[in-house]
C-alpha atoms as a PDB file:
ATOM      1  CA  MET A   1      60.319  27.123  51.503  1.00  0.00           C
ATOM      2  CA  ILE A   2      62.108  23.762  51.592  1.00  0.00           C
ATOM      3  CA  GLU A   3      60.517  21.409  54.090  1.00  0.00           C
ATOM      4  CA  PRO A   4      62.824  19.113  56.094  1.00  0.00           C
ATOM      5  CA  VAL A   5      62.454  15.375  55.571  1.00  0.00           C
ATOM      6  CA  LEU A   6      61.485  15.172  59.230  1.00  0.00           C
ATOM      7  CA  LYS A   7      60.591  18.028  61.541  1.00  0.00           C
ATOM      8  CA  ASP A   8      59.157  18.689  64.976  1.00  0.00           C
ATOM      9  CA  ARG A   9      57.524  15.581  66.507  1.00  0.00           C
ATOM     10  CA  ALA A  10      58.387  13.328  63.551  1.00  0.00           C
ATOM     11  CA  PHE A  11      62.047  14.304  63.902  1.00  0.00           C
ATOM     12  CA  LEU A  12      62.063  13.727  67.658  1.00  0.00           C
ATOM     13  CA  ASP A  13      60.382  10.350  67.219  1.00  0.00           C
ATOM     14  CA  ASP A  14      63.004   9.340  64.655  1.00  0.00           C
ATOM     15  CA  VAL A  15      65.842  10.268  67.023  1.00  0.00           C
ATOM     16  CA  ALA A  16      64.198   8.279  69.820  1.00  0.00           C
ATOM     17  CA  ASP A  17      63.550   5.254  67.596  1.00  0.00           C
ATOM     18  CA  ALA A  18      67.160   5.244  66.358  1.00  0.00           C
ATOM     19  CA  ASN A  19      68.613   5.305  69.865  1.00  0.00           C
ATOM     20  CA  VAL A  20      69.846   1.727  70.092  1.00  0.00           C
ATOM     21  CA  MET A  21      72.857   0.515  72.055  1.00  0.00           C
ATOM     22  CA  ASN A  22      74.944  -0.950  69.247  1.00  0.00           C
ATOM     23  CA  ASP A  23      78.382  -0.181  67.803  1.00  0.00           C
ATOM     24  CA  GLY A  24      77.040   2.017  65.029  1.00  0.00           C
ATOM     25  CA  PHE A  25      76.090   5.676  65.147  1.00  0.00           C
ATOM     26  CA  ARG A  26      73.507   7.937  63.615  1.00  0.00           C
ATOM     27  CA  LEU A  27      73.640  11.548  62.487  1.00  0.00           C
ATOM     28  CA  TRP A  28      71.072  14.051  61.278  1.00  0.00           C
ATOM     29  CA  TRP A  29      71.699  17.206  59.248  1.00  0.00           C
ATOM     30  CA  LEU A  30      69.887  20.092  60.957  1.00  0.00           C
ATOM     31  CA  GLY A  31      70.530  22.676  58.252  1.00  0.00           C
ATOM     32  CA  GLN A  32      73.396  25.127  57.671  1.00  0.00           C
ATOM     33  CA  SER A  33      76.345  23.368  59.371  1.00  0.00           C
ATOM     34  CA  GLY A  34      74.393  21.859  62.247  1.00  0.00           C
ATOM     35  CA  PHE A  35      74.500  18.124  62.913  1.00  0.00           C
ATOM     36  CA  LEU A  36      73.186  15.840  65.642  1.00  0.00           C
ATOM     37  CA  ILE A  37      75.362  12.799  66.440  1.00  0.00           C
ATOM     38  CA  GLN A  38      73.927   9.834  68.360  1.00  0.00           C
ATOM     39  CA  PHE A  39      76.045   7.012  69.800  1.00  0.00           C
ATOM     40  CA  ARG A  40      75.171   4.529  72.549  1.00  0.00           C
ATOM     41  CA  GLY A  41      72.511   6.709  74.116  1.00  0.00           C
ATOM     42  CA  ARG A  42      74.589   9.890  74.023  1.00  0.00           C
ATOM     43  CA  HIS A  43      73.969  12.947  71.857  1.00  0.00           C
ATOM     44  CA  LEU A  44      76.331  15.593  70.506  1.00  0.00           C
ATOM     45  CA  LEU A  45      75.238  18.743  68.661  1.00  0.00           C
ATOM     46  CA  LEU A  46      77.686  20.415  66.274  1.00  0.00           C
ATOM     47  CA  ASP A  47      77.106  24.091  65.377  1.00  0.00           C
ATOM     48  CA  PRO A  48      73.305  24.076  65.723  1.00  0.00           C
ATOM     49  CA  TYR A  49      71.372  27.013  64.283  1.00  0.00           C
ATOM     50  CA  LEU A  50      67.706  26.465  65.123  1.00  0.00           C
ATOM     51  CA  SER A  51      66.170  29.918  65.171  1.00  0.00           C
ATOM     52  CA  ASP A  52      65.313  32.847  62.923  1.00  0.00           C
ATOM     53  CA  SER A  53      67.645  35.257  64.713  1.00  0.00           C
ATOM     54  CA  LEU A  54      69.674  36.154  61.613  1.00  0.00           C
ATOM     55  CA  THR A  55      66.582  36.609  59.457  1.00  0.00           C
ATOM     56  CA  GLU A  56      65.197  38.990  62.068  1.00  0.00           C
ATOM     57  CA  LYS A  57      68.513  40.818  62.554  1.00  0.00           C
ATOM     58  CA  TYR A  58      69.050  41.542  58.860  1.00  0.00           C
ATOM     59  CA  ALA A  59      65.410  41.938  57.762  1.00  0.00           C
ATOM     60  CA  TYR A  60      65.652  45.656  56.985  1.00  0.00           C
ATOM     61  CA  THR A  61      69.225  45.793  55.715  1.00  0.00           C
ATOM     62  CA  ASP A  62      70.822  45.498  52.284  1.00  0.00           C
ATOM     63  CA  LEU A  63      71.884  41.916  53.090  1.00  0.00           C
ATOM     64  CA  PRO A  64      68.651  40.149  54.099  1.00  0.00           C
ATOM     65  CA  HIS A  65      69.077  36.607  55.398  1.00  0.00           C
ATOM     66  CA  ILE A  66      66.061  35.028  53.730  1.00  0.00           C
ATOM     67  CA  ARG A  67      65.560  31.507  55.036  1.00  0.00           C
ATOM     68  CA  MET A  68      65.295  28.781  52.400  1.00  0.00           C
ATOM     69  CA  THR A  69      64.616  25.752  54.639  1.00  0.00           C
ATOM     70  CA  ALA A  70      62.156  25.486  57.505  1.00  0.00           C
ATOM     71  CA  ARG A  71      63.503  24.804  60.991  1.00  0.00           C
ATOM     72  CA  VAL A  72      63.811  21.126  61.882  1.00  0.00           C
ATOM     73  CA  VAL A  73      62.938  21.426  65.566  1.00  0.00           C
ATOM     74  CA  GLU A  74      62.686  23.930  68.376  1.00  0.00           C
ATOM     75  CA  PRO A  75      65.845  23.743  70.494  1.00  0.00           C
ATOM     76  CA  ALA A  76      63.783  23.658  73.702  1.00  0.00           C
ATOM     77  CA  HIS A  77      62.478  20.238  72.627  1.00  0.00           C
ATOM     78  CA  LEU A  78      65.987  18.750  72.470  1.00  0.00           C
ATOM     79  CA  ASP A  79      66.069  17.793  76.137  1.00  0.00           C
ATOM     80  CA  PHE A  80      68.453  14.842  75.692  1.00  0.00           C
ATOM     81  CA  ILE A  81      71.652  16.575  74.532  1.00  0.00           C
ATOM     82  CA  ASP A  82      74.916  15.847  76.353  1.00  0.00           C
ATOM     83  CA  VAL A  83      77.385  18.076  74.472  1.00  0.00           C
ATOM     84  CA  VAL A  84      77.139  21.023  72.096  1.00  0.00           C
ATOM     85  CA  THR A  85      79.994  22.660  70.204  1.00  0.00           C
ATOM     86  CA  SER A  86      80.480  26.018  68.576  1.00  0.00           C
ATOM     87  CA  SER A  87      83.200  26.449  65.966  1.00  0.00           C
ATOM     88  CA  HIS A  88      83.359  30.268  66.108  1.00  0.00           C
ATOM     89  CA  ALA A  89      81.503  33.396  67.127  1.00  0.00           C
ATOM     90  CA  HIS A  90      79.329  33.938  64.034  1.00  0.00           C
ATOM     91  CA  THR A  91      75.687  33.753  65.001  1.00  0.00           C
ATOM     92  CA  ASP A  92      74.901  30.734  62.837  1.00  0.00           C
ATOM     93  CA  ARG A  93      77.468  28.867  64.995  1.00  0.00           C
ATOM     94  CA  LEU A  94      76.997  30.576  68.364  1.00  0.00           C
ATOM     95  CA  ASP A  95      73.335  31.522  68.389  1.00  0.00           C
ATOM     96  CA  PRO A  96      71.837  32.647  71.704  1.00  0.00           C
ATOM     97  CA  ALA A  97      68.316  31.946  70.425  1.00  0.00           C
ATOM     98  CA  THR A  98      69.367  28.318  69.932  1.00  0.00           C
ATOM     99  CA  LEU A  99      71.748  27.798  72.835  1.00  0.00           C
ATOM    100  CA  ARG A 100      69.806  29.482  75.654  1.00  0.00           C
ATOM    101  CA  PRO A 101      66.706  27.259  75.316  1.00  0.00           C
ATOM    102  CA  LEU A 102      68.975  24.277  74.739  1.00  0.00           C
ATOM    103  CA  LEU A 103      70.784  24.972  78.002  1.00  0.00           C
ATOM    104  CA  GLN A 104      67.492  25.473  79.813  1.00  0.00           C
ATOM    105  CA  ALA A 105      66.303  22.080  78.552  1.00  0.00           C
ATOM    106  CA  ASN A 106      69.628  20.421  79.482  1.00  0.00           C
ATOM    107  CA  PRO A 107      70.960  21.977  82.724  1.00  0.00           C
ATOM    108  CA  GLU A 108      74.054  19.724  82.737  1.00  0.00           C
ATOM    109  CA  LEU A 109      74.872  20.430  79.089  1.00  0.00           C
ATOM    110  CA  ALA A 110      78.598  20.562  78.237  1.00  0.00           C
ATOM    111  CA  ILE A 111      79.179  23.602  75.998  1.00  0.00           C
ATOM    112  CA  VAL A 112      82.441  23.673  74.034  1.00  0.00           C
ATOM    113  CA  VAL A 113      83.506  27.004  72.542  1.00  0.00           C
ATOM    114  CA  PRO A 114      86.692  28.484  71.106  1.00  0.00           C
ATOM    115  CA  GLU A 115      88.760  30.076  73.853  1.00  0.00           C
ATOM    116  CA  SER A 116      88.944  33.197  71.686  1.00  0.00           C
ATOM    117  CA  ALA A 117      85.128  33.484  71.862  1.00  0.00           C
ATOM    118  CA  LEU A 118      84.756  32.676  75.566  1.00  0.00           C
ATOM    119  CA  GLU A 119      83.623  36.115  76.721  1.00  0.00           C
ATOM    120  CA  ILE A 120      81.170  36.663  73.882  1.00  0.00           C
ATOM    121  CA  ALA A 121      79.788  33.135  74.333  1.00  0.00           C
ATOM    122  CA  ALA A 122      79.212  33.725  78.040  1.00  0.00           C
ATOM    123  CA  GLN A 123      77.485  37.020  77.286  1.00  0.00           C
ATOM    124  CA  ARG A 124      75.218  35.511  74.629  1.00  0.00           C
ATOM    125  CA  LEU A 125      74.241  32.571  76.822  1.00  0.00           C
ATOM    126  CA  GLY A 126      73.800  34.634  79.961  1.00  0.00           C
ATOM    127  CA  VAL A 127      76.253  32.531  81.970  1.00  0.00           C
ATOM    128  CA  THR A 128      79.633  33.080  83.592  1.00  0.00           C
ATOM    129  CA  PRO A 129      82.688  32.024  81.569  1.00  0.00           C
ATOM    130  CA  ASP A 130      83.452  29.181  83.971  1.00  0.00           C
ATOM    131  CA  ARG A 131      80.190  27.499  82.900  1.00  0.00           C
ATOM    132  CA  LEU A 132      81.698  26.946  79.426  1.00  0.00           C
ATOM    133  CA  LEU A 133      84.497  24.685  78.161  1.00  0.00           C
ATOM    134  CA  PRO A 134      86.971  26.747  76.123  1.00  0.00           C
ATOM    135  CA  VAL A 135      89.410  25.107  73.686  1.00  0.00           C
ATOM    136  CA  ASN A 136      92.133  26.250  71.334  1.00  0.00           C
ATOM    137  CA  GLU A 137      93.928  24.500  68.487  1.00  0.00           C
ATOM    138  CA  CYS A 138      95.139  20.972  69.466  1.00  0.00           C
ATOM    139  CA  ASP A 139      93.231  20.959  72.768  1.00  0.00           C
ATOM    140  CA  THR A 140      91.319  17.752  73.526  1.00  0.00           C
ATOM    141  CA  LEU A 141      88.306  17.147  75.762  1.00  0.00           C
ATOM    142  CA  THR A 142      86.438  13.919  76.470  1.00  0.00           C
ATOM    143  CA  LEU A 143      82.769  14.479  77.280  1.00  0.00           C
ATOM    144  CA  ALA A 144      79.962  11.903  77.485  1.00  0.00           C
ATOM    145  CA  GLY A 145      82.126   9.422  75.610  1.00  0.00           C
ATOM    146  CA  PHE A 146      83.009  11.850  72.803  1.00  0.00           C
ATOM    147  CA  ARG A 147      86.679  12.806  72.454  1.00  0.00           C
ATOM    148  CA  LEU A 148      86.906  16.212  70.759  1.00  0.00           C
ATOM    149  CA  THR A 149      90.139  17.642  69.375  1.00  0.00           C
ATOM    150  CA  ALA A 150      90.165  21.226  68.121  1.00  0.00           C
ATOM    151  CA  VAL A 151      91.708  21.884  64.694  1.00  0.00           C
ATOM    152  CA  ALA A 152      92.423  25.343  63.297  1.00  0.00           C
ATOM    153  CA  SER A 153      90.103  26.470  60.503  1.00  0.00           C
ATOM    154  CA  ALA A 154      90.705  29.277  58.022  1.00  0.00           C
ATOM    155  CA  HIS A 155      87.593  31.334  57.293  1.00  0.00           C
ATOM    156  CA  GLU A 156      89.599  32.950  54.479  1.00  0.00           C
ATOM    157  CA  GLN A 157      92.627  33.282  56.788  1.00  0.00           C
ATOM    158  CA  LEU A 158      94.072  31.454  59.782  1.00  0.00           C
ATOM    159  CA  ASP A 159      92.984  34.323  61.997  1.00  0.00           C
ATOM    160  CA  ARG A 160      94.078  34.582  65.628  1.00  0.00           C
ATOM    161  CA  ASP A 161      93.336  37.059  68.390  1.00  0.00           C
ATOM    162  CA  ALA A 162      95.935  39.199  70.175  1.00  0.00           C
ATOM    163  CA  SER A 163      96.767  36.240  72.428  1.00  0.00           C
ATOM    164  CA  GLY A 164      97.399  33.933  69.473  1.00  0.00           C
ATOM    165  CA  ARG A 165      94.176  31.946  69.902  1.00  0.00           C
ATOM    166  CA  CYS A 166      92.341  30.686  66.814  1.00  0.00           C
ATOM    167  CA  LEU A 167      89.189  32.578  65.891  1.00  0.00           C
ATOM    168  CA  TYR A 168      87.864  29.622  63.875  1.00  0.00           C
ATOM    169  CA  LEU A 169      87.984  25.951  64.770  1.00  0.00           C
ATOM    170  CA  GLY A 170      86.914  22.580  63.482  1.00  0.00           C
ATOM    171  CA  TYR A 171      86.571  19.462  65.602  1.00  0.00           C
ATOM    172  CA  VAL A 172      87.753  15.891  65.182  1.00  0.00           C
ATOM    173  CA  VAL A 173      85.285  13.764  67.153  1.00  0.00           C
ATOM    174  CA  GLN A 174      86.246  10.223  68.172  1.00  0.00           C
ATOM    175  CA  PHE A 175      83.889   7.751  69.829  1.00  0.00           C
ATOM    176  CA  GLY A 176      83.846   3.963  69.840  1.00  0.00           C
ATOM    177  CA  ARG A 177      85.608   2.945  66.627  1.00  0.00           C
ATOM    178  CA  TRP A 178      84.436   5.999  64.745  1.00  0.00           C
ATOM    179  CA  THR A 179      85.955   9.359  63.813  1.00  0.00           C
ATOM    180  CA  ILE A 180      84.130  12.385  62.401  1.00  0.00           C
ATOM    181  CA  TYR A 181      85.637  15.671  61.246  1.00  0.00           C
ATOM    182  CA  HIS A 182      83.424  18.759  61.401  1.00  0.00           C
ATOM    183  CA  SER A 183      85.356  21.594  59.810  1.00  0.00           C
ATOM    184  CA  GLY A 184      83.244  24.543  60.851  1.00  0.00           C
ATOM    185  CA  ASP A 185      83.852  27.288  58.297  1.00  0.00           C
ATOM    186  CA  THR A 186      87.102  26.799  56.421  1.00  0.00           C
ATOM    187  CA  VAL A 187      88.988  27.082  53.181  1.00  0.00           C
ATOM    188  CA  LEU A 188      91.993  24.958  52.304  1.00  0.00           C
ATOM    189  CA  TYR A 189      95.293  25.939  53.840  1.00  0.00           C
ATOM    190  CA  ASP A 190      98.778  24.440  53.845  1.00  0.00           C
ATOM    191  CA  GLY A 191      99.015  21.584  56.293  1.00  0.00           C
ATOM    192  CA  LEU A 192      95.280  21.050  56.891  1.00  0.00           C
ATOM    193  CA  ALA A 193      95.094  17.744  55.011  1.00  0.00           C
ATOM    194  CA  GLU A 194      98.262  16.483  56.703  1.00  0.00           C
ATOM    195  CA  LYS A 195      96.877  17.320  60.155  1.00  0.00           C
ATOM    196  CA  LEU A 196      93.702  15.383  59.469  1.00  0.00           C
ATOM    197  CA  ALA A 197      95.036  12.377  57.556  1.00  0.00           C
ATOM    198  CA  ARG A 198      96.472  10.768  60.685  1.00  0.00           C
ATOM    199  CA  TYR A 199      93.027  10.471  62.274  1.00  0.00           C
ATOM    200  CA  ARG A 200      91.606   7.906  59.828  1.00  0.00           C
ATOM    201  CA  ILE A 201      88.361   9.858  59.455  1.00  0.00           C
ATOM    202  CA  ASP A 202      85.180   7.992  58.658  1.00  0.00           C
ATOM    203  CA  VAL A 203      82.923  10.968  57.916  1.00  0.00           C
ATOM    204  CA  ALA A 204      83.971  14.470  56.869  1.00  0.00           C
ATOM    205  CA  LEU A 205      81.310  17.162  57.351  1.00  0.00           C
ATOM    206  CA  LEU A 206      82.380  19.975  55.017  1.00  0.00           C
ATOM    207  CA  PRO A 207      80.903  23.247  53.727  1.00  0.00           C
ATOM    208  CA  ILE A 208      80.389  23.680  49.981  1.00  0.00           C
ATOM    209  CA  ASN A 209      79.117  27.259  49.629  1.00  0.00           C
ATOM    210  CA  GLY A 210      82.480  28.518  48.321  1.00  0.00           C
ATOM    211  CA  ARG A 211      83.601  32.103  47.949  1.00  0.00           C
ATOM    212  CA  ALA A 212      81.869  34.978  46.174  1.00  0.00           C
ATOM    213  CA  PRO A 213      82.977  38.559  46.940  1.00  0.00           C
ATOM    214  CA  GLN A 214      79.538  39.973  46.153  1.00  0.00           C
ATOM    215  CA  ARG A 215      78.132  38.099  49.161  1.00  0.00           C
ATOM    216  CA  ARG A 216      80.305  40.196  51.496  1.00  0.00           C
ATOM    217  CA  VAL A 217      80.887  37.208  53.743  1.00  0.00           C
ATOM    218  CA  ALA A 218      84.004  35.181  54.403  1.00  0.00           C
ATOM    219  CA  GLY A 219      84.385  32.173  52.168  1.00  0.00           C
ATOM    220  CA  ASN A 220      84.417  28.409  52.526  1.00  0.00           C
ATOM    221  CA  LEU A 221      85.341  25.342  50.541  1.00  0.00           C
ATOM    222  CA  ASN A 222      83.464  24.920  47.298  1.00  0.00           C
ATOM    223  CA  GLY A 223      82.197  21.530  46.205  1.00  0.00           C
ATOM    224  CA  ARG A 224      85.335  20.546  44.292  1.00  0.00           C
ATOM    225  CA  GLU A 225      87.610  21.611  47.141  1.00  0.00           C
ATOM    226  CA  ALA A 226      85.510  19.696  49.658  1.00  0.00           C
ATOM    227  CA  ALA A 227      85.761  16.577  47.492  1.00  0.00           C
ATOM    228  CA  TRP A 228      89.532  16.996  47.217  1.00  0.00           C
ATOM    229  CA  LEU A 229      89.978  17.479  50.970  1.00  0.00           C
ATOM    230  CA  ALA A 230      87.844  14.435  51.764  1.00  0.00           C
ATOM    231  CA  GLY A 231      90.003  12.357  49.444  1.00  0.00           C
ATOM    232  CA  ALA A 232      93.270  13.816  50.726  1.00  0.00           C
ATOM    233  CA  ILE A 233      92.452  12.921  54.335  1.00  0.00           C
ATOM    234  CA  GLY A 234      91.172   9.455  53.447  1.00  0.00           C
ATOM    235  CA  ALA A 235      87.604  10.075  54.611  1.00  0.00           C
ATOM    236  CA  ARG A 236      85.345   7.106  53.952  1.00  0.00           C
ATOM    237  CA  THR A 237      82.566   9.511  53.015  1.00  0.00           C
ATOM    238  CA  VAL A 238      81.931  13.247  52.833  1.00  0.00           C
ATOM    239  CA  ILE A 239      78.628  14.859  53.770  1.00  0.00           C
ATOM    240  CA  PRO A 240      78.202  18.438  52.496  1.00  0.00           C
ATOM    241  CA  CYS A 241      76.678  21.282  54.485  1.00  0.00           C
ATOM    242  CA  HIS A 242      76.367  25.087  54.605  1.00  0.00           C
ATOM    243  CA  TYR A 243      73.830  25.437  51.807  1.00  0.00           C
ATOM    244  CA  GLU A 244      70.053  25.832  51.426  1.00  0.00           C
ATOM    245  CA  MET A 245      69.748  28.006  54.533  1.00  0.00           C
ATOM    246  CA  PHE A 246      69.967  31.586  53.206  1.00  0.00           C
ATOM    247  CA  THR A 247      69.255  32.666  49.643  1.00  0.00           C
ATOM    248  CA  PHE A 248      72.296  34.949  49.411  1.00  0.00           C
ATOM    249  CA  ASN A 249      74.782  32.287  50.514  1.00  0.00           C
ATOM    250  CA  THR A 250      74.009  28.853  49.121  1.00  0.00           C
ATOM    251  CA  ALA A 251      75.219  26.342  46.556  1.00  0.00           C
ATOM    252  CA  SER A 252      74.274  23.074  44.894  1.00  0.00           C
ATOM    253  CA  PRO A 253      75.877  19.783  45.932  1.00  0.00           C
ATOM    254  CA  ASP A 254      76.176  18.837  42.240  1.00  0.00           C
ATOM    255  CA  GLU A 255      79.745  20.157  41.995  1.00  0.00           C
ATOM    256  CA  LEU A 256      80.775  18.056  44.986  1.00  0.00           C
ATOM    257  CA  LEU A 257      79.127  14.946  43.550  1.00  0.00           C
ATOM    258  CA  ALA A 258      80.771  15.396  40.153  1.00  0.00           C
ATOM    259  CA  ALA A 259      84.198  15.921  41.725  1.00  0.00           C
ATOM    260  CA  CYS A 260      83.762  12.923  44.010  1.00  0.00           C
ATOM    261  CA  THR A 261      82.917  10.764  40.996  1.00  0.00           C
ATOM    262  CA  GLU A 262      86.101  11.913  39.268  1.00  0.00           C
ATOM    263  CA  LEU A 263      88.220  11.309  42.369  1.00  0.00           C
ATOM    264  CA  GLY A 264      86.624   8.026  43.418  1.00  0.00           C
ATOM    265  CA  GLN A 265      85.554   9.608  46.689  1.00  0.00           C
ATOM    266  CA  ARG A 266      82.321   8.530  48.348  1.00  0.00           C
ATOM    267  CA  ALA A 267      79.767  11.236  49.172  1.00  0.00           C
ATOM    268  CA  ASP A 268      76.417  11.099  50.950  1.00  0.00           C
ATOM    269  CA  VAL A 269      74.149  14.074  50.319  1.00  0.00           C
ATOM    270  CA  LEU A 270      71.434  14.519  52.930  1.00  0.00           C
ATOM    271  CA  ARG A 271      68.273  16.525  52.972  1.00  0.00           C
ATOM    272  CA  CYS A 272      67.648  18.663  56.010  1.00  0.00           C
ATOM    273  CA  GLY A 273      66.208  16.592  58.845  1.00  0.00           C
ATOM    274  CA  GLN A 274      67.329  13.326  57.284  1.00  0.00           C
ATOM    275  CA  ARG A 275      69.008  10.548  59.254  1.00  0.00           C
ATOM    276  CA  TRP A 276      72.254   8.907  58.116  1.00  0.00           C
ATOM    277  CA  ASN A 277      73.353   5.566  59.600  1.00  0.00           C
ATOM    278  CA  SER A 278      76.953   4.396  59.870  1.00  0.00           C
ATOM    279  CA  GLU A 279      75.826   1.015  58.539  1.00  0.00           C
ATOM    280  CA  ARG A 280      75.826   2.677  55.115  1.00  0.00           C
ATOM    281  CA  LEU A 281      79.622   2.538  55.187  1.00  0.00           C
ATOM    282  CA  GLN A 282      79.396  -1.248  55.137  1.00  0.00           C
ATOM    283  CA  ALA A 283      77.388  -1.203  51.902  1.00  0.00           C
END
């Protein structure tokens, strides 16, 4: 089992110690595609998966979800979160065992979900749909100082429901002078780089686990594709994710790092539970 750099009380203490009112921001990788963003006393969670629900669900099936990395923190202990987002309805992005205790710990929590997943999100969280904030492609919300714009993602395809609403989303997050892109699950598709290039993205948070039919799961960017996309959109750095969570669906960041070296693209590889500071972009 991989141990996070920081976990439980040590992680919470690090978040508290980093919470300074300056113009920079901090982020922590929480494993899978989950990130915590901190800026001027406000906190945003992107796609948190902080439970063993998938390991338990698939324990006695032919596709066991064997956890590789220990959990960073219990969601019930994150009692300072202002906003949480889900990129789509897969359980590692919309996990009731993560979101219910998170909501209980933060009664005023703003919960952003794809409009296409509104009913299932309400059911999983045990709330009425009007408690949630649904978005579709190009919709923008400003919450706790974070401006979030939904961008279509293609988890193999640009899938839409019968009403034309995107099943998979990413989010461009703007705050202060900073811009982050969190892709959710996506592969490359025509027009994606052009959509994103106009945002002048500082940090691109991109999956690298790629596509392998034998996994029987929808695919994502591989390391080389993630490096190319980061370069094509002008991201100042790329931070990889969606690896080292489940043994059947992981990858090494080495391919990303090699491709970034070839392309002259900066990359910052984090360990689970590790803090990254925006001051690193000045170095």
